[in-house]
N, C-alpha and C. Protein backbone atom coordinates (compact mmCIF):
# COMPACT_ATOMS: atom_id res chain seq x y z
N THR A 1 0.85 -1.18 0.00
CA THR A 1 0.00 0.00 0.00
C THR A 1 0.88 1.24 0.00
N HIS A 2 0.29 2.33 -0.37
CA HIS A 2 1.04 3.58 -0.44
C HIS A 2 0.18 4.67 0.18
N ALA A 3 0.61 5.20 1.29
CA ALA A 3 -0.13 6.26 1.96
C ALA A 3 0.25 7.60 1.33
N TRP A 4 -0.69 8.50 1.26
CA TRP A 4 -0.42 9.84 0.73
C TRP A 4 0.52 10.59 1.65
N SER A 5 0.28 10.44 2.96
CA SER A 5 1.13 11.12 3.93
C SER A 5 1.11 10.35 5.24
N ARG A 6 2.08 10.64 6.07
CA ARG A 6 2.17 10.03 7.39
C ARG A 6 2.56 11.12 8.39
N THR A 7 2.27 10.85 9.64
CA THR A 7 2.70 11.76 10.69
C THR A 7 3.93 11.16 11.35
N MET A 8 5.01 11.91 11.30
CA MET A 8 6.26 11.45 11.90
C MET A 8 6.79 12.55 12.79
N TRP A 9 7.09 12.19 14.03
CA TRP A 9 7.61 13.14 15.00
C TRP A 9 6.71 14.36 15.15
N GLY A 10 5.40 14.13 15.07
CA GLY A 10 4.44 15.21 15.27
C GLY A 10 4.24 16.11 14.06
N ARG A 11 4.83 15.78 12.93
CA ARG A 11 4.69 16.60 11.73
C ARG A 11 4.17 15.75 10.59
N ARG A 12 3.37 16.34 9.72
CA ARG A 12 2.84 15.65 8.56
C ARG A 12 3.90 15.60 7.48
N MET A 13 4.18 14.40 6.99
CA MET A 13 5.20 14.21 5.97
C MET A 13 4.56 13.56 4.75
N ASP A 14 4.76 14.16 3.58
CA ASP A 14 4.29 13.54 2.35
C ASP A 14 5.11 12.30 2.09
N ALA A 15 4.44 11.24 1.70
CA ALA A 15 5.13 9.97 1.48
C ALA A 15 5.86 10.00 0.14
N ILE A 16 6.97 9.29 0.07
CA ILE A 16 7.68 9.13 -1.19
C ILE A 16 7.62 7.66 -1.57
N THR A 17 7.67 7.39 -2.84
CA THR A 17 7.63 6.02 -3.33
C THR A 17 8.91 5.31 -2.94
N SER A 18 8.77 4.04 -2.58
CA SER A 18 9.93 3.24 -2.18
C SER A 18 10.96 3.20 -3.29
N ARG A 19 12.23 3.22 -2.91
CA ARG A 19 13.30 3.15 -3.91
C ARG A 19 13.36 1.77 -4.55
N PHE A 20 12.69 0.78 -3.98
CA PHE A 20 12.67 -0.57 -4.52
C PHE A 20 11.48 -0.83 -5.44
N TRP A 21 10.59 0.14 -5.59
CA TRP A 21 9.37 -0.04 -6.37
C TRP A 21 9.66 -0.49 -7.80
N ASN A 22 10.65 0.09 -8.42
CA ASN A 22 10.95 -0.24 -9.83
C ASN A 22 11.58 -1.61 -9.99
N GLU A 23 12.00 -2.25 -8.90
CA GLU A 23 12.60 -3.58 -8.98
C GLU A 23 11.55 -4.69 -9.04
N VAL A 24 10.30 -4.39 -8.75
CA VAL A 24 9.24 -5.39 -8.80
C VAL A 24 8.85 -5.60 -10.26
N PRO A 25 8.93 -6.86 -10.74
CA PRO A 25 8.55 -7.12 -12.14
C PRO A 25 7.09 -6.75 -12.39
N GLU A 26 6.84 -6.12 -13.52
CA GLU A 26 5.51 -5.63 -13.84
C GLU A 26 4.48 -6.75 -13.90
N GLU A 27 4.89 -7.95 -14.34
CA GLU A 27 3.94 -9.05 -14.44
C GLU A 27 3.47 -9.55 -13.07
N LEU A 28 4.15 -9.18 -12.00
CA LEU A 28 3.74 -9.57 -10.65
C LEU A 28 2.77 -8.58 -10.03
N CYS A 29 2.59 -7.46 -10.68
CA CYS A 29 1.71 -6.43 -10.14
C CYS A 29 0.39 -6.42 -10.88
N GLU A 30 -0.69 -6.24 -10.12
CA GLU A 30 -1.99 -6.06 -10.76
C GLU A 30 -2.04 -4.69 -11.42
N GLU A 31 -1.50 -3.73 -10.73
CA GLU A 31 -1.46 -2.37 -11.26
C GLU A 31 -0.16 -1.76 -10.78
N CYS A 32 0.72 -1.45 -11.70
CA CYS A 32 2.03 -0.92 -11.33
C CYS A 32 2.14 0.56 -11.64
N SER A 33 1.13 1.29 -11.33
CA SER A 33 1.24 2.73 -11.55
C SER A 33 1.85 3.34 -10.30
N VAL A 34 2.78 4.20 -10.51
CA VAL A 34 3.45 4.86 -9.41
C VAL A 34 2.85 6.24 -9.27
N VAL A 35 2.43 6.55 -8.08
CA VAL A 35 1.87 7.87 -7.81
C VAL A 35 2.99 8.75 -7.28
N LYS A 36 3.20 9.85 -7.93
CA LYS A 36 4.24 10.77 -7.47
C LYS A 36 3.76 11.47 -6.21
N PRO A 37 4.66 11.71 -5.28
CA PRO A 37 4.25 12.42 -4.07
C PRO A 37 3.79 13.82 -4.42
N MET A 38 2.80 14.27 -3.68
CA MET A 38 2.25 15.60 -3.93
C MET A 38 3.10 16.65 -3.24
N ARG A 39 3.30 17.74 -3.93
CA ARG A 39 4.04 18.85 -3.35
C ARG A 39 3.08 19.69 -2.53
N ARG A 40 3.49 20.10 -1.38
CA ARG A 40 2.62 20.89 -0.51
C ARG A 40 2.65 22.35 -0.91
N ASN A 41 1.50 22.95 -0.94
CA ASN A 41 1.38 24.39 -1.17
C ASN A 41 1.23 25.06 0.19
N SER A 42 1.11 26.36 0.16
CA SER A 42 0.83 27.04 1.41
C SER A 42 -0.63 26.77 1.77
N PHE A 43 -0.93 26.81 3.03
CA PHE A 43 -2.29 26.50 3.46
C PHE A 43 -3.27 27.61 3.13
N SER A 44 -2.80 28.70 2.58
CA SER A 44 -3.71 29.76 2.19
C SER A 44 -4.35 29.48 0.84
N ASP A 45 -3.84 28.45 0.13
CA ASP A 45 -4.42 28.11 -1.17
C ASP A 45 -5.83 27.57 -1.00
N THR A 46 -6.59 27.65 -2.07
CA THR A 46 -7.98 27.20 -2.00
C THR A 46 -8.11 25.70 -1.87
N ASP A 47 -7.06 24.95 -2.20
CA ASP A 47 -7.18 23.49 -2.11
C ASP A 47 -6.63 22.98 -0.78
N TYR A 48 -6.53 23.86 0.21
CA TYR A 48 -6.10 23.50 1.55
C TYR A 48 -4.70 22.91 1.59
N GLY A 49 -3.85 23.29 0.68
CA GLY A 49 -2.46 22.93 0.76
C GLY A 49 -2.07 21.63 0.12
N PHE A 50 -2.92 21.00 -0.66
CA PHE A 50 -2.56 19.74 -1.28
C PHE A 50 -2.91 19.78 -2.75
N GLU A 51 -1.93 19.50 -3.60
CA GLU A 51 -2.19 19.45 -5.03
C GLU A 51 -2.94 18.17 -5.35
N GLY A 52 -3.82 18.25 -6.33
CA GLY A 52 -4.47 17.06 -6.82
C GLY A 52 -5.61 16.56 -5.96
N ARG A 53 -5.96 17.26 -4.93
CA ARG A 53 -7.08 16.85 -4.10
C ARG A 53 -8.11 17.96 -4.10
N SER A 54 -9.34 17.56 -4.06
CA SER A 54 -10.42 18.53 -4.05
C SER A 54 -10.60 19.09 -2.65
N SER A 55 -11.03 20.32 -2.58
CA SER A 55 -11.30 20.92 -1.28
C SER A 55 -12.71 20.59 -0.82
N ASP A 56 -13.48 19.90 -1.68
CA ASP A 56 -14.84 19.51 -1.30
C ASP A 56 -14.79 18.40 -0.27
N PHE A 57 -15.69 18.47 0.67
CA PHE A 57 -15.80 17.40 1.65
C PHE A 57 -16.73 16.34 1.10
N THR A 58 -16.43 15.10 1.38
CA THR A 58 -17.31 14.04 0.94
C THR A 58 -18.50 13.96 1.88
N ALA A 59 -19.60 13.51 1.34
CA ALA A 59 -20.80 13.38 2.16
C ALA A 59 -20.56 12.32 3.22
N GLY A 60 -20.98 12.58 4.39
CA GLY A 60 -20.79 11.62 5.47
C GLY A 60 -21.85 11.81 6.52
N ARG A 61 -21.76 11.01 7.54
CA ARG A 61 -22.72 11.07 8.60
C ARG A 61 -22.41 12.27 9.49
N ALA A 62 -23.41 13.06 9.76
CA ALA A 62 -23.22 14.25 10.58
C ALA A 62 -23.71 13.97 12.00
N PHE A 63 -23.04 14.54 12.95
CA PHE A 63 -23.43 14.39 14.34
C PHE A 63 -23.76 15.76 14.89
N GLY A 64 -24.78 15.83 15.69
CA GLY A 64 -25.15 17.08 16.32
C GLY A 64 -24.25 17.37 17.50
N ALA A 65 -24.41 18.55 18.05
CA ALA A 65 -23.62 18.93 19.21
C ALA A 65 -24.04 18.09 20.41
N ALA A 66 -23.10 17.84 21.28
CA ALA A 66 -23.39 17.06 22.47
C ALA A 66 -24.32 17.84 23.38
N THR A 67 -25.22 17.13 24.01
CA THR A 67 -26.13 17.75 24.94
C THR A 67 -25.42 17.89 26.28
N PRO A 68 -25.27 19.12 26.77
CA PRO A 68 -24.58 19.27 28.04
C PRO A 68 -25.35 18.58 29.16
N GLN A 69 -24.62 17.87 29.99
CA GLN A 69 -25.24 17.20 31.12
C GLN A 69 -24.63 17.74 32.40
N GLU A 70 -25.45 17.87 33.39
CA GLU A 70 -24.98 18.37 34.66
C GLU A 70 -24.10 17.31 35.32
N ALA A 71 -22.95 17.74 35.80
CA ALA A 71 -22.06 16.80 36.47
C ALA A 71 -22.69 16.36 37.78
N ARG A 72 -22.63 15.06 37.99
CA ARG A 72 -23.20 14.53 39.23
C ARG A 72 -22.07 14.09 40.14
N GLY A 73 -22.09 14.56 41.37
CA GLY A 73 -21.09 14.16 42.34
C GLY A 73 -21.47 12.83 42.97
N SER A 74 -20.55 12.29 43.74
CA SER A 74 -20.80 11.01 44.40
C SER A 74 -21.56 11.19 45.70
N GLY A 75 -21.61 12.43 46.20
CA GLY A 75 -22.26 12.69 47.48
C GLY A 75 -21.32 12.51 48.66
N ALA A 76 -20.09 12.06 48.41
CA ALA A 76 -19.15 11.81 49.51
C ALA A 76 -18.77 13.08 50.24
N GLU A 77 -18.87 14.24 49.56
CA GLU A 77 -18.51 15.50 50.22
C GLU A 77 -19.50 15.81 51.35
N GLN A 78 -20.65 15.16 51.36
CA GLN A 78 -21.66 15.39 52.38
C GLN A 78 -21.57 14.39 53.53
N LEU A 79 -20.57 13.52 53.51
CA LEU A 79 -20.43 12.52 54.57
C LEU A 79 -19.90 13.13 55.87
N GLY A 80 -19.31 14.32 55.79
CA GLY A 80 -18.75 14.95 56.98
C GLY A 80 -17.60 14.15 57.56
N LEU A 81 -16.71 13.71 56.70
CA LEU A 81 -15.60 12.86 57.13
C LEU A 81 -14.61 13.61 58.00
N ARG A 82 -14.02 12.87 58.95
CA ARG A 82 -13.00 13.41 59.84
C ARG A 82 -11.86 12.42 59.94
N SER A 83 -10.74 12.89 60.40
CA SER A 83 -9.58 12.03 60.60
C SER A 83 -9.96 10.85 61.49
N GLY A 84 -9.57 9.65 61.06
CA GLY A 84 -9.87 8.44 61.81
C GLY A 84 -11.10 7.69 61.33
N ASP A 85 -11.96 8.33 60.52
CA ASP A 85 -13.16 7.65 60.01
C ASP A 85 -12.77 6.51 59.09
N ARG A 86 -13.54 5.44 59.12
CA ARG A 86 -13.32 4.30 58.22
C ARG A 86 -14.27 4.45 57.03
N ILE A 87 -13.72 4.26 55.83
CA ILE A 87 -14.49 4.38 54.59
C ILE A 87 -14.22 3.16 53.72
N VAL A 88 -15.01 3.04 52.65
CA VAL A 88 -14.74 2.04 51.62
C VAL A 88 -14.88 2.73 50.27
N HIS A 89 -13.93 2.47 49.38
CA HIS A 89 -13.91 3.02 48.03
C HIS A 89 -14.23 1.88 47.07
N ASP A 90 -14.99 2.17 46.00
CA ASP A 90 -15.39 1.13 45.04
C ASP A 90 -14.21 0.38 44.46
N ARG A 91 -13.10 1.06 44.22
CA ARG A 91 -11.95 0.43 43.57
C ARG A 91 -10.84 0.04 44.56
N PHE A 92 -10.56 0.92 45.52
CA PHE A 92 -9.42 0.72 46.41
C PHE A 92 -9.76 -0.06 47.68
N GLY A 93 -11.05 -0.24 47.94
CA GLY A 93 -11.46 -1.01 49.11
C GLY A 93 -11.51 -0.17 50.37
N PRO A 94 -11.45 -0.84 51.55
CA PRO A 94 -11.56 -0.12 52.82
C PRO A 94 -10.29 0.65 53.16
N GLY A 95 -10.49 1.72 53.94
CA GLY A 95 -9.36 2.53 54.35
C GLY A 95 -9.71 3.43 55.51
N THR A 96 -8.72 4.19 55.97
CA THR A 96 -8.88 5.11 57.09
C THR A 96 -8.55 6.52 56.63
N VAL A 97 -9.43 7.47 56.98
CA VAL A 97 -9.22 8.88 56.64
C VAL A 97 -8.10 9.42 57.52
N LEU A 98 -7.07 9.97 56.90
CA LEU A 98 -5.95 10.57 57.65
C LEU A 98 -6.22 12.04 57.94
N SER A 99 -6.76 12.77 56.94
CA SER A 99 -7.10 14.18 57.12
C SER A 99 -8.05 14.61 56.02
N VAL A 100 -8.70 15.75 56.25
CA VAL A 100 -9.63 16.32 55.29
C VAL A 100 -9.26 17.79 55.11
N ALA A 101 -9.24 18.27 53.86
CA ALA A 101 -8.88 19.67 53.58
C ALA A 101 -9.79 20.21 52.49
N GLY A 102 -9.97 21.52 52.47
CA GLY A 102 -10.76 22.18 51.44
C GLY A 102 -12.21 22.33 51.83
N GLU A 103 -12.97 22.96 50.91
CA GLU A 103 -14.39 23.22 51.16
C GLU A 103 -15.21 22.94 49.92
N GLY A 104 -16.48 22.63 50.11
CA GLY A 104 -17.42 22.44 49.01
C GLY A 104 -16.97 21.35 48.05
N ASP A 105 -17.07 21.65 46.75
CA ASP A 105 -16.71 20.68 45.71
C ASP A 105 -15.22 20.35 45.70
N ARG A 106 -14.43 21.17 46.37
CA ARG A 106 -12.98 20.97 46.35
C ARG A 106 -12.46 20.29 47.63
N THR A 107 -13.36 19.76 48.42
CA THR A 107 -12.94 19.07 49.63
C THR A 107 -12.20 17.80 49.26
N ARG A 108 -11.03 17.60 49.87
CA ARG A 108 -10.20 16.42 49.60
C ARG A 108 -9.99 15.65 50.90
N ALA A 109 -9.94 14.35 50.76
CA ALA A 109 -9.62 13.50 51.91
C ALA A 109 -8.33 12.75 51.61
N PHE A 110 -7.45 12.68 52.58
CA PHE A 110 -6.24 11.88 52.46
C PHE A 110 -6.54 10.57 53.18
N VAL A 111 -6.46 9.47 52.43
CA VAL A 111 -6.90 8.17 52.94
C VAL A 111 -5.78 7.15 52.81
N ARG A 112 -5.59 6.33 53.86
CA ARG A 112 -4.67 5.19 53.78
C ARG A 112 -5.55 3.95 53.62
N PHE A 113 -5.37 3.28 52.49
CA PHE A 113 -6.16 2.09 52.20
C PHE A 113 -5.49 0.86 52.78
N ASP A 114 -6.31 -0.07 53.24
CA ASP A 114 -5.80 -1.28 53.89
C ASP A 114 -4.97 -2.13 52.93
N GLU A 115 -5.44 -2.27 51.70
CA GLU A 115 -4.75 -3.09 50.70
C GLU A 115 -3.46 -2.40 50.28
N GLY A 116 -2.32 -2.96 50.63
CA GLY A 116 -1.03 -2.41 50.23
C GLY A 116 -0.62 -1.17 50.99
N GLN A 117 -1.42 -0.73 51.95
CA GLN A 117 -1.11 0.46 52.75
C GLN A 117 -0.85 1.69 51.89
N SER A 118 -1.51 1.78 50.73
CA SER A 118 -1.30 2.94 49.86
C SER A 118 -2.08 4.14 50.40
N GLU A 119 -1.53 5.32 50.20
CA GLU A 119 -2.19 6.56 50.60
C GLU A 119 -2.59 7.32 49.35
N LYS A 120 -3.82 7.81 49.34
CA LYS A 120 -4.34 8.52 48.18
C LYS A 120 -5.02 9.80 48.64
N GLN A 121 -4.98 10.80 47.76
CA GLN A 121 -5.71 12.04 47.97
C GLN A 121 -6.93 11.98 47.07
N LEU A 122 -8.12 12.06 47.63
CA LEU A 122 -9.35 11.92 46.86
C LEU A 122 -10.19 13.19 46.94
N VAL A 123 -10.71 13.64 45.80
CA VAL A 123 -11.65 14.74 45.76
C VAL A 123 -13.01 14.15 46.09
N LEU A 124 -13.59 14.56 47.22
CA LEU A 124 -14.79 13.90 47.72
C LEU A 124 -16.00 14.05 46.80
N SER A 125 -16.09 15.16 46.07
CA SER A 125 -17.27 15.37 45.22
C SER A 125 -17.35 14.38 44.07
N ILE A 126 -16.24 13.72 43.72
CA ILE A 126 -16.27 12.77 42.61
C ILE A 126 -15.83 11.36 43.01
N SER A 127 -15.47 11.17 44.28
CA SER A 127 -14.98 9.86 44.71
C SER A 127 -16.12 8.98 45.21
N PRO A 128 -16.13 7.73 44.77
CA PRO A 128 -17.19 6.80 45.21
C PRO A 128 -16.87 6.22 46.59
N LEU A 129 -17.12 7.02 47.63
CA LEU A 129 -16.82 6.60 49.00
C LEU A 129 -18.10 6.37 49.78
N LYS A 130 -18.00 5.44 50.73
CA LYS A 130 -19.08 5.21 51.69
C LYS A 130 -18.44 5.06 53.06
N ARG A 131 -19.14 5.54 54.06
CA ARG A 131 -18.64 5.41 55.43
C ARG A 131 -18.94 3.99 55.92
N LEU A 132 -17.97 3.41 56.63
CA LEU A 132 -18.18 2.07 57.21
C LEU A 132 -18.77 2.18 58.59
């Protein structure tokens, strides 16, 4: 196969034909036409910077704008957690609250989980916590 262009190192690069292309016997190819790489124009051109390609968009499936949805919190910020409280997290399991900081939606709890004794900082408004 022959790609028109590839992205390499974060930049779009026009593809060049392999230097071995001419070594393939013509009788082994269904179609041995070689496409020359396209020279890039400036993007101010009407063809959007590519020779030989139409600036028309092909018909396709259109999607409407996403319907904004109100973010729903977990409700954990309303648990009134304090240092020493035992909690359970859906993913990390049971643990002990070490400290609580912040206010409102930005309230964070520092928790040491029983499994592996890992410590995590959790934003209560989005963390799936329950008091034990």
